Amino acid sequence: MAVTVSLPAVLARHAGGVRTHTVGGTTLGDALASITRDYPDLGRRLSEATNPSNAFVAIYVNDEDARFLGGLTTPIRDGDEISVVSAIAGG
C-alpha cells in the first residue's frame, strides 16, 4: 500500500529537501513514522506538529482535517494523500 505525504517547505528541509514522499502504513501515524525513520530530525518536528495543542500545523488526509478523523489513528488506504499544512497568520 502506498500513500503520498506532502510537506511544507519549512519541514521539507528536515527531510532532505524533498516535499513529497511515498510511504506505506495502515494509519496516519504509521505513514508519518515511516518518514521519520529515514529523517529523525523531521520526526522531532512532526511530533511537535501533531501535538493536539499545536494550532499552527494541521494534517489532512484527502482534504479532511485529521483531528476530526481520529488523529494519528486515522486509517489510510492505498492512494490516499496526506498533507501537512502550516498555518499562516498575519494582520
C-alpha atoms as a PDB file:
ATOM      1  CA  MET A   1       0.000   0.000   0.000  1.00  0.00           C
ATOM      2  CA  ALA A   2       1.314   3.465  -0.829  1.00  0.00           C
ATOM      3  CA  VAL A   3       0.182   6.922   0.242  1.00  0.00           C
ATOM      4  CA  THR A   4       1.632  10.317  -0.590  1.00  0.00           C
ATOM      5  CA  VAL A   5       2.753  12.694   2.154  1.00  0.00           C
ATOM      6  CA  SER A   6       3.265  16.341   1.189  1.00  0.00           C
ATOM      7  CA  LEU A   7       5.324  18.586   3.440  1.00  0.00           C
ATOM      8  CA  PRO A   8       5.553  22.367   3.559  1.00  0.00           C
ATOM      9  CA  ALA A   9       8.968  23.800   2.643  1.00  0.00           C
ATOM     10  CA  VAL A  10       9.794  24.574   6.278  1.00  0.00           C
ATOM     11  CA  LEU A  11       9.513  20.868   7.180  1.00  0.00           C
ATOM     12  CA  ALA A  12      10.869  19.502   3.901  1.00  0.00           C
ATOM     13  CA  ARG A  13      14.281  20.930   4.732  1.00  0.00           C
ATOM     14  CA  HIS A  14      14.380  18.329   7.542  1.00  0.00           C
ATOM     15  CA  ALA A  15      13.560  15.582   5.027  1.00  0.00           C
ATOM     16  CA  GLY A  16      16.379  16.022   2.573  1.00  0.00           C
ATOM     17  CA  GLY A  17      14.613  18.943   0.899  1.00  0.00           C
ATOM     18  CA  VAL A  18      12.002  16.617  -0.581  1.00  0.00           C
ATOM     19  CA  ARG A  19       8.439  17.904  -0.273  1.00  0.00           C
ATOM     20  CA  THR A  20       6.578  14.761  -1.407  1.00  0.00           C
ATOM     21  CA  HIS A  21       7.183  11.263  -0.038  1.00  0.00           C
ATOM     22  CA  THR A  22       5.556   7.952  -0.879  1.00  0.00           C
ATOM     23  CA  VAL A  23       5.182   5.735   2.183  1.00  0.00           C
ATOM     24  CA  GLY A  24       3.166   2.802   3.485  1.00  0.00           C
ATOM     25  CA  GLY A  25       1.123   2.092   6.575  1.00  0.00           C
ATOM     26  CA  THR A  26      -2.387   1.425   7.766  1.00  0.00           C
ATOM     27  CA  THR A  27      -2.812   4.568   9.885  1.00  0.00           C
ATOM     28  CA  LEU A  28      -1.758   8.187   9.657  1.00  0.00           C
ATOM     29  CA  GLY A  29       0.687   7.546  12.498  1.00  0.00           C
ATOM     30  CA  ASP A  30       2.259   4.650  10.554  1.00  0.00           C
ATOM     31  CA  ALA A  31       2.729   6.830   7.487  1.00  0.00           C
ATOM     32  CA  LEU A  32       4.382   9.630   9.439  1.00  0.00           C
ATOM     33  CA  ALA A  33       6.558   7.137  11.324  1.00  0.00           C
ATOM     34  CA  SER A  34       7.737   5.731   8.014  1.00  0.00           C
ATOM     35  CA  ILE A  35       9.189   9.100   7.015  1.00  0.00           C
ATOM     36  CA  THR A  36      10.703   9.751  10.419  1.00  0.00           C
ATOM     37  CA  ARG A  37      12.689   6.513  10.329  1.00  0.00           C
ATOM     38  CA  ASP A  38      14.612   7.946   7.389  1.00  0.00           C
ATOM     39  CA  TYR A  39      14.658  11.527   8.696  1.00  0.00           C
ATOM     40  CA  PRO A  40      14.851  11.611  12.526  1.00  0.00           C
ATOM     41  CA  ASP A  41      15.083  15.405  12.654  1.00  0.00           C
ATOM     42  CA  LEU A  42      11.801  15.599  10.765  1.00  0.00           C
ATOM     43  CA  GLY A  43      10.379  13.172  13.320  1.00  0.00           C
ATOM     44  CA  ARG A  44      11.011  15.630  16.130  1.00  0.00           C
ATOM     45  CA  ARG A  45       9.320  18.384  14.132  1.00  0.00           C
ATOM     46  CA  LEU A  46       6.326  16.191  13.251  1.00  0.00           C
ATOM     47  CA  SER A  47       5.971  15.183  16.885  1.00  0.00           C
ATOM     48  CA  GLU A  48       5.653  18.850  17.776  1.00  0.00           C
ATOM     49  CA  ALA A  49       3.298  19.393  14.851  1.00  0.00           C
ATOM     50  CA  THR A  50       0.948  16.575  15.816  1.00  0.00           C
ATOM     51  CA  ASN A  51       0.660  17.711  19.433  1.00  0.00           C
ATOM     52  CA  PRO A  52      -3.070  18.406  19.944  1.00  0.00           C
ATOM     53  CA  SER A  53      -2.299  21.795  21.485  1.00  0.00           C
ATOM     54  CA  ASN A  54      -0.462  22.962  18.351  1.00  0.00           C
ATOM     55  CA  ALA A  55      -2.732  25.288  16.416  1.00  0.00           C
ATOM     56  CA  PHE A  56      -0.070  26.204  13.866  1.00  0.00           C
ATOM     57  CA  VAL A  57       0.130  22.947  11.916  1.00  0.00           C
ATOM     58  CA  ALA A  58      -2.693  20.827  10.558  1.00  0.00           C
ATOM     59  CA  ILE A  59      -2.569  17.424   8.905  1.00  0.00           C
ATOM     60  CA  TYR A  60      -5.116  16.474   6.283  1.00  0.00           C
ATOM     61  CA  VAL A  61      -5.997  13.082   4.853  1.00  0.00           C
ATOM     62  CA  ASN A  62      -7.647  13.530   1.458  1.00  0.00           C
ATOM     63  CA  ASP A  63      -8.555  17.151   2.293  1.00  0.00           C
ATOM     64  CA  GLU A  64     -10.158  16.197   5.629  1.00  0.00           C
ATOM     65  CA  ASP A  65      -8.632  17.518   8.868  1.00  0.00           C
ATOM     66  CA  ALA A  66      -7.123  14.504  10.648  1.00  0.00           C
ATOM     67  CA  ARG A  67      -8.028  15.966  14.056  1.00  0.00           C
ATOM     68  CA  PHE A  68     -11.659  15.205  13.241  1.00  0.00           C
ATOM     69  CA  LEU A  69     -10.965  11.799  11.695  1.00  0.00           C
ATOM     70  CA  GLY A  70      -9.134  10.178  14.601  1.00  0.00           C
ATOM     71  CA  GLY A  71      -5.765  11.917  14.693  1.00  0.00           C
ATOM     72  CA  LEU A  72      -2.788   9.622  14.297  1.00  0.00           C
ATOM     73  CA  THR A  73      -5.073   6.574  14.434  1.00  0.00           C
ATOM     74  CA  THR A  74      -6.907   7.672  11.276  1.00  0.00           C
ATOM     75  CA  PRO A  75      -6.984   4.714   8.874  1.00  0.00           C
ATOM     76  CA  ILE A  76      -5.353   5.252   5.490  1.00  0.00           C
ATOM     77  CA  ARG A  77      -5.780   3.386   2.222  1.00  0.00           C
ATOM     78  CA  ASP A  78      -3.746   2.907  -0.899  1.00  0.00           C
ATOM     79  CA  GLY A  79      -3.661   6.118  -2.893  1.00  0.00           C
ATOM     80  CA  ASP A  80      -4.582   8.446  -0.038  1.00  0.00           C
ATOM     81  CA  GLU A  81      -2.962  11.864   0.108  1.00  0.00           C
ATOM     82  CA  ILE A  82      -1.670  13.262   3.389  1.00  0.00           C
ATOM     83  CA  SER A  83      -0.862  16.958   3.586  1.00  0.00           C
ATOM     84  CA  VAL A  84       0.997  18.665   6.403  1.00  0.00           C
ATOM     85  CA  VAL A  85      -0.043  22.317   6.328  1.00  0.00           C
ATOM     86  CA  SER A  86       1.483  25.235   8.227  1.00  0.00           C
ATOM     87  CA  ALA A  87      -0.925  27.902   9.386  1.00  0.00           C
ATOM     88  CA  ILE A  88      -0.416  31.382   8.047  1.00  0.00           C
ATOM     89  CA  ALA A  89      -1.074  34.298  10.354  1.00  0.00           C
ATOM     90  CA  GLY A  90      -0.796  37.962   9.897  1.00  0.00           C
ATOM     91  CA  GLY A  91      -2.535  41.153  10.380  1.00  0.00           C
END
